[in-house]
Amino acid sequence: MEALQRRLSPGQFIVLMRAFNACRAARAGAGTGSGPGTGGGAPHLGLASGEQELFTPEVQSEMLTLMGLAEQPALRVDRRPPAA
């Protein structure tokens, strides 16, 4: 996240985080019968015209990467010493 924040403009990073959080919230509410994900389909993120300009193909690509990473199961680290 820090690398993204350094690479993108502050406005682009904010728009990216808003979109990412909206998608995560929609997925968390999907199928529960309530919440933002109950309508099916993509979540709606109301962007002002200036914000729409910040949601460039580069930012959209980063969004897809973040969503893919968020779907990956967490890695477990086995801290036990190897069996002898």
PDB file of N, CA and C in Angstrom:
ATOM      1  N   MET A   1       0.817  -1.184   0.000  1.00  0.00           N
ATOM      2  CA  MET A   1       0.000   0.000   0.000  1.00  0.00           C
ATOM      3  C   MET A   1       0.865   1.253   0.000  1.00  0.00           C
ATOM      4  N   GLU A   2       1.964   1.191   0.740  1.00  0.00           N
ATOM      5  CA  GLU A   2       2.845   2.365   0.785  1.00  0.00           C
ATOM      6  C   GLU A   2       3.456   2.652  -0.579  1.00  0.00           C
ATOM      7  N   ALA A   3       3.793   1.589  -1.318  1.00  0.00           N
ATOM      8  CA  ALA A   3       4.352   1.788  -2.654  1.00  0.00           C
ATOM      9  C   ALA A   3       3.319   2.417  -3.584  1.00  0.00           C
ATOM     10  N   LEU A   4       2.073   1.981  -3.469  1.00  0.00           N
ATOM     11  CA  LEU A   4       1.007   2.581  -4.269  1.00  0.00           C
ATOM     12  C   LEU A   4       0.822   4.048  -3.917  1.00  0.00           C
ATOM     13  N   GLN A   5       0.863   4.339  -2.641  1.00  0.00           N
ATOM     14  CA  GLN A   5       0.669   5.715  -2.196  1.00  0.00           C
ATOM     15  C   GLN A   5       1.774   6.619  -2.723  1.00  0.00           C
ATOM     16  N   ARG A   6       2.983   6.089  -2.798  1.00  0.00           N
ATOM     17  CA  ARG A   6       4.093   6.886  -3.341  1.00  0.00           C
ATOM     18  C   ARG A   6       3.983   7.054  -4.846  1.00  0.00           C
ATOM     19  N   ARG A   7       3.490   6.019  -5.534  1.00  0.00           N
ATOM     20  CA  ARG A   7       3.447   6.036  -6.994  1.00  0.00           C
ATOM     21  C   ARG A   7       2.284   6.860  -7.549  1.00  0.00           C
ATOM     22  N   LEU A   8       1.147   6.853  -6.863  1.00  0.00           N
ATOM     23  CA  LEU A   8      -0.030   7.572  -7.352  1.00  0.00           C
ATOM     24  C   LEU A   8      -0.091   8.971  -6.756  1.00  0.00           C
ATOM     25  N   SER A   9      -0.831   9.844  -7.419  1.00  0.00           N
ATOM     26  CA  SER A   9      -1.063  11.165  -6.842  1.00  0.00           C
ATOM     27  C   SER A   9      -1.964  10.983  -5.619  1.00  0.00           C
ATOM     28  N   PRO A  10      -1.954  11.950  -4.690  1.00  0.00           N
ATOM     29  CA  PRO A  10      -2.822  11.818  -3.509  1.00  0.00           C
ATOM     30  C   PRO A  10      -4.292  11.611  -3.878  1.00  0.00           C
ATOM     31  N   GLY A  11      -4.779  12.332  -4.871  1.00  0.00           N
ATOM     32  CA  GLY A  11      -6.174  12.186  -5.294  1.00  0.00           C
ATOM     33  C   GLY A  11      -6.463  10.806  -5.850  1.00  0.00           C
ATOM     34  N   GLN A  12      -5.544  10.295  -6.669  1.00  0.00           N
ATOM     35  CA  GLN A  12      -5.727   8.960  -7.235  1.00  0.00           C
ATOM     36  C   GLN A  12      -5.733   7.901  -6.136  1.00  0.00           C
ATOM     37  N   PHE A  13      -4.856   8.050  -5.161  1.00  0.00           N
ATOM     38  CA  PHE A  13      -4.790   7.073  -4.081  1.00  0.00           C
ATOM     39  C   PHE A  13      -6.092   7.084  -3.277  1.00  0.00           C
ATOM     40  N   ILE A  14      -6.634   8.259  -3.012  1.00  0.00           N
ATOM     41  CA  ILE A  14      -7.893   8.360  -2.263  1.00  0.00           C
ATOM     42  C   ILE A  14      -9.030   7.710  -3.041  1.00  0.00           C
ATOM     43  N   VAL A  15      -9.120   7.989  -4.332  1.00  0.00           N
ATOM     44  CA  VAL A  15     -10.171   7.387  -5.166  1.00  0.00           C
ATOM     45  C   VAL A  15     -10.004   5.867  -5.201  1.00  0.00           C
ATOM     46  N   LEU A  16      -8.777   5.396  -5.326  1.00  0.00           N
ATOM     47  CA  LEU A  16      -8.517   3.959  -5.333  1.00  0.00           C
ATOM     48  C   LEU A  16      -8.973   3.315  -4.029  1.00  0.00           C
ATOM     49  N   MET A  17      -8.642   3.922  -2.907  1.00  0.00           N
ATOM     50  CA  MET A  17      -9.020   3.357  -1.611  1.00  0.00           C
ATOM     51  C   MET A  17     -10.532   3.389  -1.411  1.00  0.00           C
ATOM     52  N   ARG A  18     -11.186   4.444  -1.858  1.00  0.00           N
ATOM     53  CA  ARG A  18     -12.651   4.513  -1.760  1.00  0.00           C
ATOM     54  C   ARG A  18     -13.296   3.405  -2.575  1.00  0.00           C
ATOM     55  N   ALA A  19     -12.818   3.224  -3.801  1.00  0.00           N
ATOM     56  CA  ALA A  19     -13.373   2.181  -4.666  1.00  0.00           C
ATOM     57  C   ALA A  19     -13.096   0.792  -4.088  1.00  0.00           C
ATOM     58  N   PHE A  20     -11.901   0.572  -3.607  1.00  0.00           N
ATOM     59  CA  PHE A  20     -11.534  -0.722  -3.030  1.00  0.00           C
ATOM     60  C   PHE A  20     -12.408  -1.033  -1.812  1.00  0.00           C
ATOM     61  N   ASN A  21     -12.552  -0.073  -0.920  1.00  0.00           N
ATOM     62  CA  ASN A  21     -13.366  -0.286   0.274  1.00  0.00           C
ATOM     63  C   ASN A  21     -14.830  -0.508  -0.068  1.00  0.00           C
ATOM     64  N   ALA A  22     -15.349   0.191  -1.080  1.00  0.00           N
ATOM     65  CA  ALA A  22     -16.732  -0.007  -1.503  1.00  0.00           C
ATOM     66  C   ALA A  22     -16.935  -1.419  -2.052  1.00  0.00           C
ATOM     67  N   CYS A  23     -15.981  -1.897  -2.827  1.00  0.00           N
ATOM     68  CA  CYS A  23     -16.088  -3.255  -3.377  1.00  0.00           C
ATOM     69  C   CYS A  23     -15.989  -4.303  -2.278  1.00  0.00           C
ATOM     70  N   ARG A  24     -15.083  -4.099  -1.348  1.00  0.00           N
ATOM     71  CA  ARG A  24     -14.945  -5.054  -0.234  1.00  0.00           C
ATOM     72  C   ARG A  24     -16.217  -5.077   0.609  1.00  0.00           C
ATOM     73  N   ALA A  25     -16.800  -3.916   0.871  1.00  0.00           N
ATOM     74  CA  ALA A  25     -18.026  -3.851   1.655  1.00  0.00           C
ATOM     75  C   ALA A  25     -19.173  -4.529   0.909  1.00  0.00           C
ATOM     76  N   ALA A  26     -19.240  -4.330  -0.405  1.00  0.00           N
ATOM     77  CA  ALA A  26     -20.298  -4.951  -1.199  1.00  0.00           C
ATOM     78  C   ALA A  26     -20.155  -6.464  -1.183  1.00  0.00           C
ATOM     79  N   ARG A  27     -18.935  -6.960  -1.273  1.00  0.00           N
ATOM     80  CA  ARG A  27     -18.720  -8.411  -1.238  1.00  0.00           C
ATOM     81  C   ARG A  27     -19.039  -8.987   0.133  1.00  0.00           C
ATOM     82  N   ALA A  28     -18.724  -8.241   1.167  1.00  0.00           N
ATOM     83  CA  ALA A  28     -19.002  -8.712   2.531  1.00  0.00           C
ATOM     84  C   ALA A  28     -20.503  -8.804   2.767  1.00  0.00           C
ATOM     85  N   GLY A  29     -21.278  -7.915   2.139  1.00  0.00           N
ATOM     86  CA  GLY A  29     -22.721  -7.920   2.315  1.00  0.00           C
ATOM     87  C   GLY A  29     -23.460  -8.791   1.318  1.00  0.00           C
ATOM     88  N   ALA A  30     -22.765  -9.320   0.320  1.00  0.00           N
ATOM     89  CA  ALA A  30     -23.409 -10.126  -0.723  1.00  0.00           C
ATOM     90  C   ALA A  30     -23.965 -11.416  -0.150  1.00  0.00           C
ATOM     91  N   GLY A  31     -25.204 -11.680  -0.469  1.00  0.00           N
ATOM     92  CA  GLY A  31     -25.822 -12.931  -0.068  1.00  0.00           C
ATOM     93  C   GLY A  31     -26.326 -12.972   1.357  1.00  0.00           C
ATOM     94  N   THR A  32     -26.233 -11.883   2.094  1.00  0.00           N
ATOM     95  CA  THR A  32     -26.682 -11.904   3.481  1.00  0.00           C
ATOM     96  C   THR A  32     -28.123 -11.442   3.625  1.00  0.00           C
ATOM     97  N   GLY A  33     -28.697 -10.912   2.568  1.00  0.00           N
ATOM     98  CA  GLY A  33     -30.069 -10.435   2.656  1.00  0.00           C
ATOM     99  C   GLY A  33     -30.165  -8.979   3.082  1.00  0.00           C
ATOM    100  N   SER A  34     -29.050  -8.396   3.455  1.00  0.00           N
ATOM    101  CA  SER A  34     -29.036  -6.973   3.809  1.00  0.00           C
ATOM    102  C   SER A  34     -27.663  -6.425   3.497  1.00  0.00           C
ATOM    103  N   GLY A  35     -27.552  -5.122   3.475  1.00  0.00           N
ATOM    104  CA  GLY A  35     -26.256  -4.512   3.226  1.00  0.00           C
ATOM    105  C   GLY A  35     -26.081  -4.131   1.781  1.00  0.00           C
ATOM    106  N   PRO A  36     -24.930  -3.532   1.490  1.00  0.00           N
ATOM    107  CA  PRO A  36     -24.720  -2.965   0.169  1.00  0.00           C
ATOM    108  C   PRO A  36     -24.643  -3.981  -0.952  1.00  0.00           C
ATOM    109  N   GLY A  37     -24.357  -5.232  -0.654  1.00  0.00           N
ATOM    110  CA  GLY A  37     -24.178  -6.214  -1.716  1.00  0.00           C
ATOM    111  C   GLY A  37     -25.437  -6.943  -2.115  1.00  0.00           C
ATOM    112  N   THR A  38     -26.592  -6.600  -1.561  1.00  0.00           N
ATOM    113  CA  THR A  38     -27.796  -7.368  -1.810  1.00  0.00           C
ATOM    114  C   THR A  38     -28.428  -7.113  -3.164  1.00  0.00           C
ATOM    115  N   GLY A  39     -28.071  -6.036  -3.809  1.00  0.00           N
ATOM    116  CA  GLY A  39     -28.672  -5.744  -5.102  1.00  0.00           C
ATOM    117  C   GLY A  39     -28.061  -6.545  -6.227  1.00  0.00           C
ATOM    118  N   GLY A  40     -26.966  -7.223  -5.974  1.00  0.00           N
ATOM    119  CA  GLY A  40     -26.291  -7.958  -7.029  1.00  0.00           C
ATOM    120  C   GLY A  40     -25.572  -7.001  -7.951  1.00  0.00           C
ATOM    121  N   GLY A  41     -24.594  -7.498  -8.658  1.00  0.00           N
ATOM    122  CA  GLY A  41     -23.847  -6.656  -9.573  1.00  0.00           C
ATOM    123  C   GLY A  41     -22.794  -5.831  -8.871  1.00  0.00           C
ATOM    124  N   ALA A  42     -22.288  -4.848  -9.575  1.00  0.00           N
ATOM    125  CA  ALA A  42     -21.197  -4.035  -9.054  1.00  0.00           C
ATOM    126  C   ALA A  42     -21.711  -2.966  -8.091  1.00  0.00           C
ATOM    127  N   PRO A  43     -20.911  -2.634  -7.079  1.00  0.00           N
ATOM    128  CA  PRO A  43     -21.313  -1.558  -6.182  1.00  0.00           C
ATOM    129  C   PRO A  43     -21.240  -0.219  -6.909  1.00  0.00           C
ATOM    130  N   HIS A  44     -22.043   0.715  -6.474  1.00  0.00           N
ATOM    131  CA  HIS A  44     -22.040   2.048  -7.072  1.00  0.00           C
ATOM    132  C   HIS A  44     -21.195   2.967  -6.207  1.00  0.00           C
ATOM    133  N   LEU A  45     -20.235   3.607  -6.812  1.00  0.00           N
ATOM    134  CA  LEU A  45     -19.395   4.569  -6.113  1.00  0.00           C
ATOM    135  C   LEU A  45     -19.587   5.901  -6.807  1.00  0.00           C
ATOM    136  N   GLY A  46     -20.294   6.790  -6.156  1.00  0.00           N
ATOM    137  CA  GLY A  46     -20.548   8.095  -6.756  1.00  0.00           C
ATOM    138  C   GLY A  46     -19.286   8.940  -6.765  1.00  0.00           C
ATOM    139  N   LEU A  47     -18.762   9.190  -7.944  1.00  0.00           N
ATOM    140  CA  LEU A  47     -17.560  10.005  -8.081  1.00  0.00           C
ATOM    141  C   LEU A  47     -17.925  11.334  -8.723  1.00  0.00           C
ATOM    142  N   ALA A  48     -17.419  12.402  -8.157  1.00  0.00           N
ATOM    143  CA  ALA A  48     -17.564  13.722  -8.774  1.00  0.00           C
ATOM    144  C   ALA A  48     -16.758  13.718 -10.068  1.00  0.00           C
ATOM    145  N   SER A  49     -17.030  14.660 -10.937  1.00  0.00           N
ATOM    146  CA  SER A  49     -16.349  14.673 -12.242  1.00  0.00           C
ATOM    147  C   SER A  49     -14.834  14.731 -12.090  1.00  0.00           C
ATOM    148  N   GLY A  50     -14.337  15.503 -11.138  1.00  0.00           N
ATOM    149  CA  GLY A  50     -12.893  15.560 -10.909  1.00  0.00           C
ATOM    150  C   GLY A  50     -12.334  14.229 -10.451  1.00  0.00           C
ATOM    151  N   GLU A  51     -13.122  13.509  -9.649  1.00  0.00           N
ATOM    152  CA  GLU A  51     -12.680  12.197  -9.184  1.00  0.00           C
ATOM    153  C   GLU A  51     -12.719  11.181 -10.320  1.00  0.00           C
ATOM    154  N   GLN A  52     -13.692  11.300 -11.209  1.00  0.00           N
ATOM    155  CA  GLN A  52     -13.773  10.392 -12.350  1.00  0.00           C
ATOM    156  C   GLN A  52     -12.520  10.499 -13.204  1.00  0.00           C
ATOM    157  N   GLU A  53     -12.007  11.703 -13.350  1.00  0.00           N
ATOM    158  CA  GLU A  53     -10.783  11.904 -14.126  1.00  0.00           C
ATOM    159  C   GLU A  53      -9.584  11.230 -13.463  1.00  0.00           C
ATOM    160  N   LEU A  54      -9.622  11.097 -12.143  1.00  0.00           N
ATOM    161  CA  LEU A  54      -8.522  10.456 -11.413  1.00  0.00           C
ATOM    162  C   LEU A  54      -8.569   8.935 -11.516  1.00  0.00           C
ATOM    163  N   PHE A  55      -9.738   8.376 -11.861  1.00  0.00           N
ATOM    164  CA  PHE A  55      -9.898   6.927 -11.947  1.00  0.00           C
ATOM    165  C   PHE A  55      -9.432   6.463 -13.326  1.00  0.00           C
ATOM    166  N   THR A  56      -8.143   6.647 -13.566  1.00  0.00           N
ATOM    167  CA  THR A  56      -7.508   6.374 -14.856  1.00  0.00           C
ATOM    168  C   THR A  56      -7.358   4.865 -15.076  1.00  0.00           C
ATOM    169  N   PRO A  57      -6.998   4.453 -16.293  1.00  0.00           N
ATOM    170  CA  PRO A  57      -6.725   3.033 -16.530  1.00  0.00           C
ATOM    171  C   PRO A  57      -5.649   2.479 -15.574  1.00  0.00           C
ATOM    172  N   GLU A  58      -4.656   3.288 -15.233  1.00  0.00           N
ATOM    173  CA  GLU A  58      -3.628   2.848 -14.282  1.00  0.00           C
ATOM    174  C   GLU A  58      -4.251   2.550 -12.916  1.00  0.00           C
ATOM    175  N   VAL A  59      -5.107   3.445 -12.435  1.00  0.00           N
ATOM    176  CA  VAL A  59      -5.765   3.259 -11.139  1.00  0.00           C
ATOM    177  C   VAL A  59      -6.701   2.051 -11.207  1.00  0.00           C
ATOM    178  N   GLN A  60      -7.405   1.885 -12.320  1.00  0.00           N
ATOM    179  CA  GLN A  60      -8.292   0.737 -12.482  1.00  0.00           C
ATOM    180  C   GLN A  60      -7.505  -0.571 -12.462  1.00  0.00           C
ATOM    181  N   SER A  61      -6.343  -0.572 -13.087  1.00  0.00           N
ATOM    182  CA  SER A  61      -5.487  -1.761 -13.073  1.00  0.00           C
ATOM    183  C   SER A  61      -5.022  -2.094 -11.658  1.00  0.00           C
ATOM    184  N   GLU A  62      -4.649  -1.065 -10.909  1.00  0.00           N
ATOM    185  CA  GLU A  62      -4.235  -1.281  -9.520  1.00  0.00           C
ATOM    186  C   GLU A  62      -5.410  -1.809  -8.691  1.00  0.00           C
ATOM    187  N   MET A  63      -6.601  -1.331  -9.000  1.00  0.00           N
ATOM    188  CA  MET A  63      -7.803  -1.798  -8.312  1.00  0.00           C
ATOM    189  C   MET A  63      -7.998  -3.292  -8.532  1.00  0.00           C
ATOM    190  N   LEU A  64      -7.856  -3.737  -9.759  1.00  0.00           N
ATOM    191  CA  LEU A  64      -7.994  -5.159 -10.060  1.00  0.00           C
ATOM    192  C   LEU A  64      -6.938  -5.984  -9.337  1.00  0.00           C
ATOM    193  N   THR A  65      -5.726  -5.465  -9.276  1.00  0.00           N
ATOM    194  CA  THR A  65      -4.654  -6.157  -8.559  1.00  0.00           C
ATOM    195  C   THR A  65      -4.986  -6.270  -7.078  1.00  0.00           C
ATOM    196  N   LEU A  66      -5.437  -5.176  -6.473  1.00  0.00           N
ATOM    197  CA  LEU A  66      -5.799  -5.201  -5.048  1.00  0.00           C
ATOM    198  C   LEU A  66      -6.930  -6.179  -4.783  1.00  0.00           C
ATOM    199  N   MET A  67      -7.937  -6.190  -5.642  1.00  0.00           N
ATOM    200  CA  MET A  67      -9.056  -7.103  -5.436  1.00  0.00           C
ATOM    201  C   MET A  67      -8.587  -8.550  -5.548  1.00  0.00           C
ATOM    202  N   GLY A  68      -7.690  -8.821  -6.474  1.00  0.00           N
ATOM    203  CA  GLY A  68      -7.149 -10.176  -6.595  1.00  0.00           C
ATOM    204  C   GLY A  68      -6.372 -10.579  -5.367  1.00  0.00           C
ATOM    205  N   LEU A  69      -5.577  -9.666  -4.839  1.00  0.00           N
ATOM    206  CA  LEU A  69      -4.815  -9.960  -3.628  1.00  0.00           C
ATOM    207  C   LEU A  69      -5.726 -10.157  -2.428  1.00  0.00           C
ATOM    208  N   ALA A  70      -6.797  -9.395  -2.367  1.00  0.00           N
ATOM    209  CA  ALA A  70      -7.728  -9.500  -1.244  1.00  0.00           C
ATOM    210  C   ALA A  70      -8.454 -10.840  -1.247  1.00  0.00           C
ATOM    211  N   GLU A  71      -8.583 -11.447  -2.411  1.00  0.00           N
ATOM    212  CA  GLU A  71      -9.267 -12.731  -2.515  1.00  0.00           C
ATOM    213  C   GLU A  71      -8.372 -13.910  -2.154  1.00  0.00           C
ATOM    214  N   GLN A  72      -7.072 -13.689  -2.113  1.00  0.00           N
ATOM    215  CA  GLN A  72      -6.140 -14.767  -1.800  1.00  0.00           C
ATOM    216  C   GLN A  72      -6.243 -15.135  -0.326  1.00  0.00           C
ATOM    217  N   PRO A  73      -6.186 -16.439  -0.003  1.00  0.00           N
ATOM    218  CA  PRO A  73      -6.182 -16.808   1.414  1.00  0.00           C
ATOM    219  C   PRO A  73      -4.886 -16.344   2.073  1.00  0.00           C
ATOM    220  N   ALA A  74      -4.987 -16.034   3.337  1.00  0.00           N
ATOM    221  CA  ALA A  74      -3.800 -15.599   4.084  1.00  0.00           C
ATOM    222  C   ALA A  74      -2.815 -16.760   4.192  1.00  0.00           C
ATOM    223  N   LEU A  75      -1.549 -16.434   4.070  1.00  0.00           N
ATOM    224  CA  LEU A  75      -0.516 -17.452   4.205  1.00  0.00           C
ATOM    225  C   LEU A  75      -0.273 -17.750   5.675  1.00  0.00           C
ATOM    226  N   ARG A  76      -0.125 -19.002   5.980  1.00  0.00           N
ATOM    227  CA  ARG A  76       0.223 -19.399   7.334  1.00  0.00           C
ATOM    228  C   ARG A  76       1.702 -19.719   7.381  1.00  0.00           C
ATOM    229  N   VAL A  77       2.336 -19.283   8.426  1.00  0.00           N
ATOM    230  CA  VAL A  77       3.747 -19.568   8.610  1.00  0.00           C
ATOM    231  C   VAL A  77       3.865 -20.597   9.730  1.00  0.00           C
ATOM    232  N   ASP A  78       4.468 -21.727   9.403  1.00  0.00           N
ATOM    233  CA  ASP A  78       4.668 -22.772  10.405  1.00  0.00           C
ATOM    234  C   ASP A  78       5.951 -22.453  11.151  1.00  0.00           C
ATOM    235  N   ARG A  79       5.819 -22.096  12.401  1.00  0.00           N
ATOM    236  CA  ARG A  79       6.970 -21.693  13.192  1.00  0.00           C
ATOM    237  C   ARG A  79       7.580 -22.841  13.985  1.00  0.00           C
ATOM    238  N   ARG A  80       7.044 -24.028  13.788  1.00  0.00           N
ATOM    239  CA  ARG A  80       7.616 -25.196  14.484  1.00  0.00           C
ATOM    240  C   ARG A  80       8.925 -25.580  13.815  1.00  0.00           C
ATOM    241  N   PRO A  81       9.885 -26.033  14.588  1.00  0.00           N
ATOM    242  CA  PRO A  81      11.130 -26.503  13.964  1.00  0.00           C
ATOM    243  C   PRO A  81      10.855 -27.769  13.158  1.00  0.00           C
ATOM    244  N   PRO A  82      11.623 -27.991  12.106  1.00  0.00           N
ATOM    245  CA  PRO A  82      11.416 -29.185  11.287  1.00  0.00           C
ATOM    246  C   PRO A  82      11.644 -30.457  12.110  1.00  0.00           C
ATOM    247  N   ALA A  83      10.880 -31.478  11.790  1.00  0.00           N
ATOM    248  CA  ALA A  83      11.029 -32.756  12.502  1.00  0.00           C
ATOM    249  C   ALA A  83      12.385 -33.368  12.181  1.00  0.00           C
ATOM    250  N   ALA A  84      13.027 -33.918  13.188  1.00  0.00           N
ATOM    251  CA  ALA A  84      14.354 -34.516  12.984  1.00  0.00           C
ATOM    252  C   ALA A  84      14.255 -35.958  12.589  1.00  0.00           C
TER     253      ALA A  84
END
